[in-house]
Amino acid sequence: MKQIIIFLLLVIIGIMGYNVYSKYKRFSLTEYGYKTPQNLDLSNADQGTLLNYHEAIEAVNGYVITQWSSNKIDVRNPKKDNEATKAAVAEYRKKLAAVSYYETLLRNPKKEPEKKPLTEAELKKQLILKSFYANPKANELRLGEQNALVYEIQRLLIEKGDSIRHDGLFRTETFNALRSFEEKSGLFPDGKLDAITLDYLLR
């Protein structure tokens, strides 16, 4: 009887130890770390873009492990559907979008212009992207903000059929128009400007 009890205790301890190890392994650097695509050649990449790319990857990796260690949320494969998890996953996707943006730049490095100069619309698109990606978190847009980026977002929304004031002030009507656009486009309707929403606006 004593031997059976000892055996069962060893089994329980073994199971508990395995669960702890599994969680550790799941969030060890080799497991959670973002993997650079094998077909991405970084040998001749622009150094500034390359630095931004690695910083974006570090932001993703840090966010993944922080959400798990602090809030027990696995943003890569969430088990719950509450508001905190949705918000964490949405933020994770934004950080991934920044990584994807820099990968696109690295795959298609800028070359000397061989064709005709950019049109005014194309130039505006590039400037909007550059302005947004200079600080994506700060450029999510909040009620009461007034700047050039808000002005351009309002212009894009008006071009797509909205009748909002075009004054560069991010008020409730602009927030609602942006949220409505996200909903119509099949995006997460939070009324915030993120990389995915901006991409759809510029199409």
C-alpha atoms as a PDB file:
ATOM      1  CA  MET A   1       0.000   0.000   0.000  1.00  0.00           C
ATOM      2  CA  LYS A   2       2.789   2.356   0.941  1.00  0.00           C
ATOM      3  CA  GLN A   3       4.542   1.630  -2.339  1.00  0.00           C
ATOM      4  CA  ILE A   4       1.390   2.416  -4.330  1.00  0.00           C
ATOM      5  CA  ILE A   5       0.983   5.778  -2.557  1.00  0.00           C
ATOM      6  CA  ILE A   6       4.631   6.650  -3.236  1.00  0.00           C
ATOM      7  CA  PHE A   7       4.194   5.631  -6.874  1.00  0.00           C
ATOM      8  CA  LEU A   8       1.082   7.808  -7.262  1.00  0.00           C
ATOM      9  CA  LEU A   9       2.856  10.760  -5.661  1.00  0.00           C
ATOM     10  CA  LEU A  10       5.742  10.362  -8.086  1.00  0.00           C
ATOM     11  CA  VAL A  11       3.295  10.264 -11.005  1.00  0.00           C
ATOM     12  CA  ILE A  12       1.539  13.444  -9.801  1.00  0.00           C
ATOM     13  CA  ILE A  13       4.860  15.227  -9.282  1.00  0.00           C
ATOM     14  CA  GLY A  14       5.972  14.078 -12.721  1.00  0.00           C
ATOM     15  CA  ILE A  15       2.811  15.438 -14.360  1.00  0.00           C
ATOM     16  CA  MET A  16       3.141  18.767 -12.548  1.00  0.00           C
ATOM     17  CA  GLY A  17       6.795  18.994 -13.497  1.00  0.00           C
ATOM     18  CA  TYR A  18       5.986  18.238 -17.124  1.00  0.00           C
ATOM     19  CA  ASN A  19       3.320  20.976 -17.213  1.00  0.00           C
ATOM     20  CA  VAL A  20       5.765  23.511 -15.791  1.00  0.00           C
ATOM     21  CA  TYR A  21       8.414  22.446 -18.291  1.00  0.00           C
ATOM     22  CA  SER A  22       5.920  22.624 -21.168  1.00  0.00           C
ATOM     23  CA  LYS A  23       4.995  26.189 -20.262  1.00  0.00           C
ATOM     24  CA  TYR A  24       8.663  27.130 -19.937  1.00  0.00           C
ATOM     25  CA  LYS A  25       9.540  25.540 -23.268  1.00  0.00           C
ATOM     26  CA  ARG A  26       6.535  27.125 -24.914  1.00  0.00           C
ATOM     27  CA  PHE A  27       7.873  30.550 -24.043  1.00  0.00           C
ATOM     28  CA  SER A  28      11.575  29.908 -24.338  1.00  0.00           C
ATOM     29  CA  LEU A  29      13.305  32.197 -26.835  1.00  0.00           C
ATOM     30  CA  THR A  30      13.627  29.440 -29.447  1.00  0.00           C
ATOM     31  CA  GLU A  31       9.876  28.818 -29.287  1.00  0.00           C
ATOM     32  CA  TYR A  32       8.301  32.286 -29.066  1.00  0.00           C
ATOM     33  CA  GLY A  33      10.946  34.299 -30.904  1.00  0.00           C
ATOM     34  CA  TYR A  34       9.823  35.684 -34.275  1.00  0.00           C
ATOM     35  CA  LYS A  35      11.578  33.807 -37.082  1.00  0.00           C
ATOM     36  CA  THR A  36      12.955  35.844 -39.969  1.00  0.00           C
ATOM     37  CA  PRO A  37      11.773  34.300 -43.264  1.00  0.00           C
ATOM     38  CA  GLN A  38      14.489  32.188 -44.886  1.00  0.00           C
ATOM     39  CA  ASN A  39      13.952  33.828 -48.273  1.00  0.00           C
ATOM     40  CA  LEU A  40      14.685  37.295 -46.884  1.00  0.00           C
ATOM     41  CA  ASP A  41      18.175  38.370 -47.937  1.00  0.00           C
ATOM     42  CA  LEU A  42      19.579  40.858 -45.418  1.00  0.00           C
ATOM     43  CA  SER A  43      23.160  40.904 -46.680  1.00  0.00           C
ATOM     44  CA  ASN A  44      22.762  44.029 -48.825  1.00  0.00           C
ATOM     45  CA  ALA A  45      19.883  45.659 -46.971  1.00  0.00           C
ATOM     46  CA  ASP A  46      19.675  49.351 -46.203  1.00  0.00           C
ATOM     47  CA  GLN A  47      21.118  49.704 -42.698  1.00  0.00           C
ATOM     48  CA  GLY A  48      18.458  52.098 -41.465  1.00  0.00           C
ATOM     49  CA  THR A  49      15.623  49.837 -42.631  1.00  0.00           C
ATOM     50  CA  LEU A  50      17.417  46.811 -41.214  1.00  0.00           C
ATOM     51  CA  LEU A  51      17.720  48.481 -37.799  1.00  0.00           C
ATOM     52  CA  ASN A  52      14.025  49.378 -37.817  1.00  0.00           C
ATOM     53  CA  TYR A  53      13.198  45.784 -38.807  1.00  0.00           C
ATOM     54  CA  HIS A  54      15.146  44.275 -35.905  1.00  0.00           C
ATOM     55  CA  GLU A  55      13.623  46.780 -33.481  1.00  0.00           C
ATOM     56  CA  ALA A  56      10.151  45.801 -34.718  1.00  0.00           C
ATOM     57  CA  ILE A  57      10.970  42.109 -34.148  1.00  0.00           C
ATOM     58  CA  GLU A  58      12.211  42.861 -30.629  1.00  0.00           C
ATOM     59  CA  ALA A  59       8.967  44.730 -29.962  1.00  0.00           C
ATOM     60  CA  VAL A  60       6.939  41.692 -31.072  1.00  0.00           C
ATOM     61  CA  ASN A  61       8.998  39.218 -29.026  1.00  0.00           C
ATOM     62  CA  GLY A  62       8.949  41.423 -25.942  1.00  0.00           C
ATOM     63  CA  TYR A  63       5.196  41.907 -26.197  1.00  0.00           C
ATOM     64  CA  VAL A  64       4.532  38.164 -26.537  1.00  0.00           C
ATOM     65  CA  ILE A  65       6.516  37.204 -23.447  1.00  0.00           C
ATOM     66  CA  THR A  66       5.302  40.204 -21.404  1.00  0.00           C
ATOM     67  CA  GLN A  67       1.650  39.416 -22.055  1.00  0.00           C
ATOM     68  CA  TRP A  68       2.226  35.810 -21.069  1.00  0.00           C
ATOM     69  CA  SER A  69       4.302  36.458 -17.945  1.00  0.00           C
ATOM     70  CA  SER A  70       2.180  39.383 -16.677  1.00  0.00           C
ATOM     71  CA  ASN A  71      -1.338  38.547 -17.875  1.00  0.00           C
ATOM     72  CA  LYS A  72      -1.163  34.858 -18.874  1.00  0.00           C
ATOM     73  CA  ILE A  73      -2.356  35.777 -22.378  1.00  0.00           C
ATOM     74  CA  ASP A  74      -0.852  33.874 -25.295  1.00  0.00           C
ATOM     75  CA  VAL A  75      -1.426  36.447 -28.036  1.00  0.00           C
ATOM     76  CA  ARG A  76      -0.253  33.997 -30.707  1.00  0.00           C
ATOM     77  CA  ASN A  77      -2.865  31.388 -29.812  1.00  0.00           C
ATOM     78  CA  PRO A  78      -5.369  32.899 -27.353  1.00  0.00           C
ATOM     79  CA  LYS A  79      -7.503  30.533 -25.321  1.00  0.00           C
ATOM     80  CA  LYS A  80      -9.999  33.142 -24.076  1.00  0.00           C
ATOM     81  CA  ASP A  81     -12.301  35.608 -25.801  1.00  0.00           C
ATOM     82  CA  ASN A  82     -12.558  38.385 -23.197  1.00  0.00           C
ATOM     83  CA  GLU A  83     -11.909  42.080 -23.812  1.00  0.00           C
ATOM     84  CA  ALA A  84      -8.391  42.023 -22.334  1.00  0.00           C
ATOM     85  CA  THR A  85      -7.408  39.165 -24.644  1.00  0.00           C
ATOM     86  CA  LYS A  86      -8.952  40.866 -27.695  1.00  0.00           C
ATOM     87  CA  ALA A  87      -7.076  44.086 -26.949  1.00  0.00           C
ATOM     88  CA  ALA A  88      -3.794  42.221 -26.429  1.00  0.00           C
ATOM     89  CA  VAL A  89      -4.225  40.268 -29.674  1.00  0.00           C
ATOM     90  CA  ALA A  90      -5.097  43.455 -31.594  1.00  0.00           C
ATOM     91  CA  GLU A  91      -1.912  45.136 -30.307  1.00  0.00           C
ATOM     92  CA  TYR A  92       0.107  42.042 -31.216  1.00  0.00           C
ATOM     93  CA  ARG A  93      -1.236  42.179 -34.774  1.00  0.00           C
ATOM     94  CA  LYS A  94      -0.234  45.826 -35.056  1.00  0.00           C
ATOM     95  CA  LYS A  95       3.308  44.972 -34.051  1.00  0.00           C
ATOM     96  CA  LEU A  96       3.357  42.107 -36.551  1.00  0.00           C
ATOM     97  CA  ALA A  97       2.117  44.499 -39.234  1.00  0.00           C
ATOM     98  CA  ALA A  98       5.132  46.753 -38.593  1.00  0.00           C
ATOM     99  CA  VAL A  99       7.442  43.746 -39.002  1.00  0.00           C
ATOM    100  CA  SER A 100       5.649  42.816 -42.243  1.00  0.00           C
ATOM    101  CA  TYR A 101       6.030  46.392 -43.507  1.00  0.00           C
ATOM    102  CA  TYR A 102       9.801  46.377 -43.005  1.00  0.00           C
ATOM    103  CA  GLU A 103      10.066  42.924 -44.600  1.00  0.00           C
ATOM    104  CA  THR A 104       8.329  44.357 -47.653  1.00  0.00           C
ATOM    105  CA  LEU A 105      10.852  47.202 -47.756  1.00  0.00           C
ATOM    106  CA  LEU A 106      13.747  44.759 -47.423  1.00  0.00           C
ATOM    107  CA  ARG A 107      12.398  42.550 -50.204  1.00  0.00           C
ATOM    108  CA  ASN A 108      11.875  45.549 -52.453  1.00  0.00           C
ATOM    109  CA  PRO A 109      14.726  47.964 -51.744  1.00  0.00           C
ATOM    110  CA  LYS A 110      14.482  51.419 -53.212  1.00  0.00           C
ATOM    111  CA  LYS A 111      16.191  51.773 -56.554  1.00  0.00           C
ATOM    112  CA  GLU A 112      17.187  54.757 -58.602  1.00  0.00           C
ATOM    113  CA  PRO A 113      14.090  56.142 -60.322  1.00  0.00           C
ATOM    114  CA  GLU A 114      13.874  54.867 -63.879  1.00  0.00           C
ATOM    115  CA  LYS A 115      10.284  55.770 -64.646  1.00  0.00           C
ATOM    116  CA  LYS A 116       8.293  58.977 -64.593  1.00  0.00           C
ATOM    117  CA  PRO A 117       8.129  60.955 -61.335  1.00  0.00           C
ATOM    118  CA  LEU A 118       5.528  60.039 -58.761  1.00  0.00           C
ATOM    119  CA  THR A 119       2.102  61.558 -59.131  1.00  0.00           C
ATOM    120  CA  GLU A 120       0.821  63.838 -56.411  1.00  0.00           C
ATOM    121  CA  ALA A 121      -1.464  61.048 -55.150  1.00  0.00           C
ATOM    122  CA  GLU A 122       1.411  58.546 -55.012  1.00  0.00           C
ATOM    123  CA  LEU A 123       3.626  61.051 -53.236  1.00  0.00           C
ATOM    124  CA  LYS A 124       0.914  61.742 -50.662  1.00  0.00           C
ATOM    125  CA  LYS A 125       0.517  58.005 -50.084  1.00  0.00           C
ATOM    126  CA  GLN A 126       4.239  57.601 -49.414  1.00  0.00           C
ATOM    127  CA  LEU A 127       4.309  60.584 -47.078  1.00  0.00           C
ATOM    128  CA  ILE A 128       1.300  59.279 -45.124  1.00  0.00           C
ATOM    129  CA  LEU A 129       2.959  55.872 -44.723  1.00  0.00           C
ATOM    130  CA  LYS A 130       6.240  57.454 -43.687  1.00  0.00           C
ATOM    131  CA  SER A 131       4.498  59.699 -41.166  1.00  0.00           C
ATOM    132  CA  PHE A 132       2.521  56.805 -39.679  1.00  0.00           C
ATOM    133  CA  TYR A 133       5.392  54.340 -39.397  1.00  0.00           C
ATOM    134  CA  ALA A 134       7.659  56.913 -37.783  1.00  0.00           C
ATOM    135  CA  ASN A 135       5.683  56.152 -34.605  1.00  0.00           C
ATOM    136  CA  PRO A 136       2.713  53.768 -35.160  1.00  0.00           C
ATOM    137  CA  LYS A 137       1.640  53.730 -31.493  1.00  0.00           C
ATOM    138  CA  ALA A 138       1.505  57.506 -31.191  1.00  0.00           C
ATOM    139  CA  ASN A 139      -0.279  57.798 -34.550  1.00  0.00           C
ATOM    140  CA  GLU A 140      -3.271  55.614 -33.651  1.00  0.00           C
ATOM    141  CA  LEU A 141      -5.213  58.912 -33.361  1.00  0.00           C
ATOM    142  CA  ARG A 142      -7.163  59.947 -30.289  1.00  0.00           C
ATOM    143  CA  LEU A 143     -10.141  62.212 -29.840  1.00  0.00           C
ATOM    144  CA  GLY A 144      -9.098  65.849 -29.764  1.00  0.00           C
ATOM    145  CA  GLU A 145      -5.894  65.426 -31.793  1.00  0.00           C
ATOM    146  CA  GLN A 146      -5.326  67.900 -34.601  1.00  0.00           C
ATOM    147  CA  ASN A 147      -2.522  67.372 -37.080  1.00  0.00           C
ATOM    148  CA  ALA A 148      -1.656  66.743 -40.720  1.00  0.00           C
ATOM    149  CA  LEU A 149      -2.120  62.986 -40.445  1.00  0.00           C
ATOM    150  CA  VAL A 150      -5.719  63.422 -39.225  1.00  0.00           C
ATOM    151  CA  TYR A 151      -6.292  65.807 -42.152  1.00  0.00           C
ATOM    152  CA  GLU A 152      -5.108  63.184 -44.650  1.00  0.00           C
ATOM    153  CA  ILE A 153      -7.148  60.394 -43.022  1.00  0.00           C
ATOM    154  CA  GLN A 154     -10.230  62.593 -43.240  1.00  0.00           C
ATOM    155  CA  ARG A 155      -9.470  63.203 -46.929  1.00  0.00           C
ATOM    156  CA  LEU A 156      -9.241  59.455 -47.574  1.00  0.00           C
ATOM    157  CA  LEU A 157     -12.517  58.823 -45.736  1.00  0.00           C
ATOM    158  CA  ILE A 158     -14.249  61.584 -47.725  1.00  0.00           C
ATOM    159  CA  GLU A 159     -12.918  60.090 -50.971  1.00  0.00           C
ATOM    160  CA  LYS A 160     -14.544  56.822 -49.937  1.00  0.00           C
ATOM    161  CA  GLY A 161     -17.956  58.433 -49.463  1.00  0.00           C
ATOM    162  CA  ASP A 162     -18.064  59.940 -45.972  1.00  0.00           C
ATOM    163  CA  SER A 163     -19.317  63.489 -45.416  1.00  0.00           C
ATOM    164  CA  ILE A 164     -17.222  64.604 -42.455  1.00  0.00           C
ATOM    165  CA  ARG A 165     -15.523  67.891 -41.722  1.00  0.00           C
ATOM    166  CA  HIS A 166     -12.089  68.132 -43.325  1.00  0.00           C
ATOM    167  CA  ASP A 167     -10.210  70.213 -40.788  1.00  0.00           C
ATOM    168  CA  GLY A 168      -7.542  67.912 -39.295  1.00  0.00           C
ATOM    169  CA  LEU A 169      -9.341  67.614 -35.938  1.00  0.00           C
ATOM    170  CA  PHE A 170     -10.039  64.059 -34.810  1.00  0.00           C
ATOM    171  CA  ARG A 171     -13.484  64.479 -33.323  1.00  0.00           C
ATOM    172  CA  THR A 172     -16.271  61.935 -32.754  1.00  0.00           C
ATOM    173  CA  GLU A 173     -17.566  62.051 -36.338  1.00  0.00           C
ATOM    174  CA  THR A 174     -14.123  61.147 -37.708  1.00  0.00           C
ATOM    175  CA  PHE A 175     -13.805  58.363 -35.134  1.00  0.00           C
ATOM    176  CA  ASN A 176     -17.216  56.978 -36.137  1.00  0.00           C
ATOM    177  CA  ALA A 177     -16.399  57.264 -39.846  1.00  0.00           C
ATOM    178  CA  LEU A 178     -13.141  55.390 -39.337  1.00  0.00           C
ATOM    179  CA  ARG A 179     -14.871  52.683 -37.300  1.00  0.00           C
ATOM    180  CA  SER A 180     -17.605  52.369 -39.930  1.00  0.00           C
ATOM    181  CA  PHE A 181     -14.967  52.014 -42.653  1.00  0.00           C
ATOM    182  CA  GLU A 182     -13.215  49.265 -40.669  1.00  0.00           C
ATOM    183  CA  GLU A 183     -16.496  47.423 -40.188  1.00  0.00           C
ATOM    184  CA  LYS A 184     -17.385  47.650 -43.900  1.00  0.00           C
ATOM    185  CA  SER A 185     -13.886  46.416 -44.795  1.00  0.00           C
ATOM    186  CA  GLY A 186     -14.111  43.390 -42.487  1.00  0.00           C
ATOM    187  CA  LEU A 187     -11.536  44.787 -40.058  1.00  0.00           C
ATOM    188  CA  PHE A 188     -11.628  45.030 -36.271  1.00  0.00           C
ATOM    189  CA  PRO A 189     -13.885  48.087 -35.752  1.00  0.00           C
ATOM    190  CA  ASP A 190     -12.120  49.966 -32.969  1.00  0.00           C
ATOM    191  CA  GLY A 191     -11.989  53.387 -34.615  1.00  0.00           C
ATOM    192  CA  LYS A 192      -8.203  53.506 -34.305  1.00  0.00           C
ATOM    193  CA  LEU A 193      -5.703  53.997 -37.075  1.00  0.00           C
ATOM    194  CA  ASP A 194      -3.425  50.967 -37.327  1.00  0.00           C
ATOM    195  CA  ALA A 195      -1.257  49.534 -40.098  1.00  0.00           C
ATOM    196  CA  ILE A 196      -4.028  47.314 -41.502  1.00  0.00           C
ATOM    197  CA  THR A 197      -6.673  50.054 -41.517  1.00  0.00           C
ATOM    198  CA  LEU A 198      -4.249  52.489 -43.145  1.00  0.00           C
ATOM    199  CA  ASP A 199      -3.424  49.926 -45.828  1.00  0.00           C
ATOM    200  CA  TYR A 200      -7.126  49.519 -46.670  1.00  0.00           C
ATOM    201  CA  LEU A 201      -7.667  53.291 -46.703  1.00  0.00           C
ATOM    202  CA  LEU A 202      -4.847  53.757 -49.205  1.00  0.00           C
ATOM    203  CA  ARG A 203      -6.130  51.127 -51.645  1.00  0.00           C
END
